Amino acid sequence: MKISLHQNASTISIVRPEFISTTLDWWPLKTEAWGNSSVIHADLSHPNLIAAAAGLSPLFIRVGGSQADNVIYNIMTTSNSTTTVEEANRFAKACDKNPQLCLTMQRWEEVLKFAHDAGARIVFTLAYIRHTRDESGQNDQQDWDSTNA
């Protein structure tokens, strides 16, 4: 392939400065090869991790991944006037059952501080459907159902 540059050529596209970005995924601790790199378990206050991310700044940090479909967002507090004690207890119990997929308000604040310290902006994965994966974990077993929205 031959590539040539012309001095008077017009711009075809501009890439945002945040093009080089990274992901904090939801991988559980027992997942091979990923160790404690999950958004739940990574040491987001470690100076080397902050420096590495800051070296990519400006960047987007994507919080999410395929496990985002199963994450429990336990960010409710009873000081929030819209949250009942029953709701807060329900989320706390769900998180007790699966802490590796539980985002607490404290951890969310740690993620925000990490992004701030690294000069990053956050992009967040939100699932639009409750997935039912096949045995391989790859393919949905159901079609879109608006009652899941």
Protein backbone atom coordinates (compact mmCIF):
# COMPACT_ATOMS: atom_id res chain seq x y z
CA MET A 1 0.00 0.00 0.00
CA LYS A 2 1.28 3.44 -0.89
CA ILE A 3 0.42 6.40 1.32
CA SER A 4 1.16 9.95 0.32
CA LEU A 5 0.61 13.24 2.07
CA HIS A 6 -0.26 16.42 0.25
CA GLN A 7 0.47 19.76 1.80
CA ASN A 8 -2.78 21.37 0.65
CA ALA A 9 -5.05 18.37 1.33
CA SER A 10 -8.29 18.97 3.19
CA THR A 11 -9.04 17.34 6.53
CA ILE A 12 -11.10 14.18 6.22
CA SER A 13 -11.56 13.51 9.91
CA ILE A 14 -10.33 14.63 13.31
CA VAL A 15 -9.73 12.17 16.11
CA ARG A 16 -10.61 13.35 19.59
CA PRO A 17 -7.70 13.67 22.03
CA GLU A 18 -9.41 11.05 24.24
CA PHE A 19 -9.18 8.46 21.43
CA ILE A 20 -6.65 6.41 23.40
CA SER A 21 -8.70 5.17 26.29
CA THR A 22 -8.98 2.27 28.71
CA THR A 23 -11.57 0.15 30.47
CA LEU A 24 -12.16 -0.80 34.07
CA ASP A 25 -14.08 -4.02 33.64
CA TRP A 26 -16.22 -6.03 36.06
CA TRP A 27 -14.25 -9.29 35.98
CA PRO A 28 -14.62 -11.39 39.14
CA LEU A 29 -11.48 -12.27 41.11
CA LYS A 30 -11.49 -15.91 40.01
CA THR A 31 -11.36 -15.06 36.30
CA GLU A 32 -8.15 -16.43 34.82
CA ALA A 33 -5.56 -13.92 33.67
CA TRP A 34 -7.32 -10.86 35.02
CA GLY A 35 -6.36 -11.17 38.69
CA ASN A 36 -7.53 -8.21 40.72
CA SER A 37 -7.89 -5.84 37.77
CA SER A 38 -11.66 -5.47 38.12
CA VAL A 39 -13.20 -2.08 38.81
CA ILE A 40 -14.32 -3.59 42.12
CA HIS A 41 -10.89 -4.88 43.19
CA ALA A 42 -8.18 -2.78 41.53
CA ASP A 43 -6.17 -0.53 43.83
CA LEU A 44 -7.29 2.76 42.30
CA SER A 45 -5.19 4.74 44.75
CA HIS A 46 -1.92 3.07 43.71
CA PRO A 47 0.45 5.81 42.47
CA ASN A 48 1.74 3.69 39.58
CA LEU A 49 -1.77 3.02 38.28
CA ILE A 50 -2.69 6.70 38.56
CA ALA A 51 0.55 7.70 36.82
CA ALA A 52 -0.02 5.17 34.01
CA ALA A 53 -3.54 6.44 33.40
CA ALA A 54 -2.42 10.07 33.68
CA GLY A 55 0.22 9.34 31.04
CA LEU A 56 -2.62 8.64 28.60
CA SER A 57 -4.51 11.80 29.54
CA PRO A 58 -6.71 13.12 28.18
CA LEU A 59 -8.58 9.85 28.01
CA PHE A 60 -11.91 8.20 28.57
CA ILE A 61 -12.10 5.47 31.18
CA ARG A 62 -14.91 3.10 30.34
CA VAL A 63 -16.43 1.50 33.41
CA GLY A 64 -18.24 -1.58 32.20
CA GLY A 65 -17.96 -4.63 30.07
CA SER A 66 -19.97 -7.76 29.47
CA GLN A 67 -20.49 -8.36 33.19
CA ALA A 68 -22.23 -4.96 33.45
CA ASP A 69 -25.49 -6.78 32.80
CA ASN A 70 -25.17 -8.38 36.23
CA VAL A 71 -23.82 -5.50 38.32
CA ILE A 72 -25.74 -4.43 41.40
CA TYR A 73 -25.66 -0.66 41.86
CA ASN A 74 -25.80 -0.27 45.62
CA ILE A 75 -25.49 3.50 45.61
CA MET A 76 -28.59 4.18 47.63
CA THR A 77 -28.49 5.66 51.08
CA THR A 78 -31.31 6.22 53.50
CA SER A 79 -30.27 9.88 53.65
CA ASN A 80 -31.55 10.11 50.06
CA SER A 81 -35.19 11.07 50.48
CA THR A 82 -36.29 8.77 47.64
CA THR A 83 -34.71 5.64 49.15
CA THR A 84 -36.58 3.60 51.71
CA VAL A 85 -34.90 1.51 54.37
CA GLU A 86 -36.37 -1.58 52.70
CA GLU A 87 -34.80 -0.69 49.36
CA ALA A 88 -31.42 -0.02 50.94
CA ASN A 89 -31.59 -3.35 52.80
CA ARG A 90 -32.57 -5.22 49.63
CA PHE A 91 -29.55 -3.87 47.75
CA ALA A 92 -27.24 -4.55 50.69
CA LYS A 93 -28.42 -8.18 50.86
CA ALA A 94 -27.95 -8.62 47.11
CA CYS A 95 -24.41 -7.27 47.42
CA ASP A 96 -23.67 -9.60 50.33
CA LYS A 97 -24.53 -12.52 48.03
CA ASN A 98 -22.30 -11.31 45.17
CA PRO A 99 -19.79 -8.67 46.34
CA GLN A 100 -17.66 -9.06 43.20
CA LEU A 101 -20.41 -7.49 41.12
CA CYS A 102 -21.55 -4.84 43.59
CA LEU A 103 -20.79 -1.17 43.05
CA THR A 104 -21.18 0.67 46.33
CA MET A 105 -21.32 4.44 46.71
CA GLN A 106 -17.91 4.34 48.42
CA ARG A 107 -16.38 2.46 45.48
CA TRP A 108 -18.07 4.77 42.97
CA GLU A 109 -16.49 7.74 44.75
CA GLU A 110 -13.09 5.98 44.54
CA VAL A 111 -13.60 5.48 40.78
CA LEU A 112 -14.48 9.18 40.40
CA LYS A 113 -11.37 10.22 42.37
CA PHE A 114 -9.17 7.93 40.27
CA ALA A 115 -10.55 9.41 37.05
CA HIS A 116 -10.08 12.94 38.39
CA ASP A 117 -6.49 12.25 39.52
CA ALA A 118 -5.66 10.69 36.14
CA GLY A 119 -7.21 13.53 34.13
CA ALA A 120 -9.81 11.21 32.66
CA ARG A 121 -13.47 11.40 31.79
CA ILE A 122 -15.78 8.47 32.50
CA VAL A 123 -17.90 6.56 30.03
CA PHE A 124 -20.23 4.13 31.74
CA THR A 125 -21.78 0.91 30.44
CA LEU A 126 -25.45 0.51 31.21
CA ALA A 127 -27.26 -2.61 30.11
CA TYR A 128 -30.43 -2.05 28.12
CA ILE A 129 -31.68 -5.59 28.67
CA ARG A 130 -31.34 -8.30 31.25
CA HIS A 131 -29.40 -10.89 29.27
CA THR A 132 -29.94 -14.60 29.43
CA ARG A 133 -26.75 -16.13 28.10
CA ASP A 134 -26.40 -19.62 26.72
CA GLU A 135 -24.13 -22.14 28.43
CA SER A 136 -21.06 -20.71 26.70
CA GLY A 137 -21.92 -17.28 28.11
CA GLN A 138 -21.82 -15.75 24.65
CA ASN A 139 -25.26 -15.65 23.08
CA ASP A 140 -28.53 -14.22 24.27
CA GLN A 141 -31.35 -16.69 24.74
CA GLN A 142 -34.06 -14.08 24.38
CA ASP A 143 -35.01 -11.19 22.16
CA TRP A 144 -35.61 -7.63 23.24
CA ASP A 145 -38.53 -7.33 25.62
CA SER A 146 -39.65 -3.78 26.38
CA THR A 147 -40.81 -4.84 29.85
CA ASN A 148 -37.11 -5.20 30.75
CA ALA A 149 -36.52 -1.52 30.07
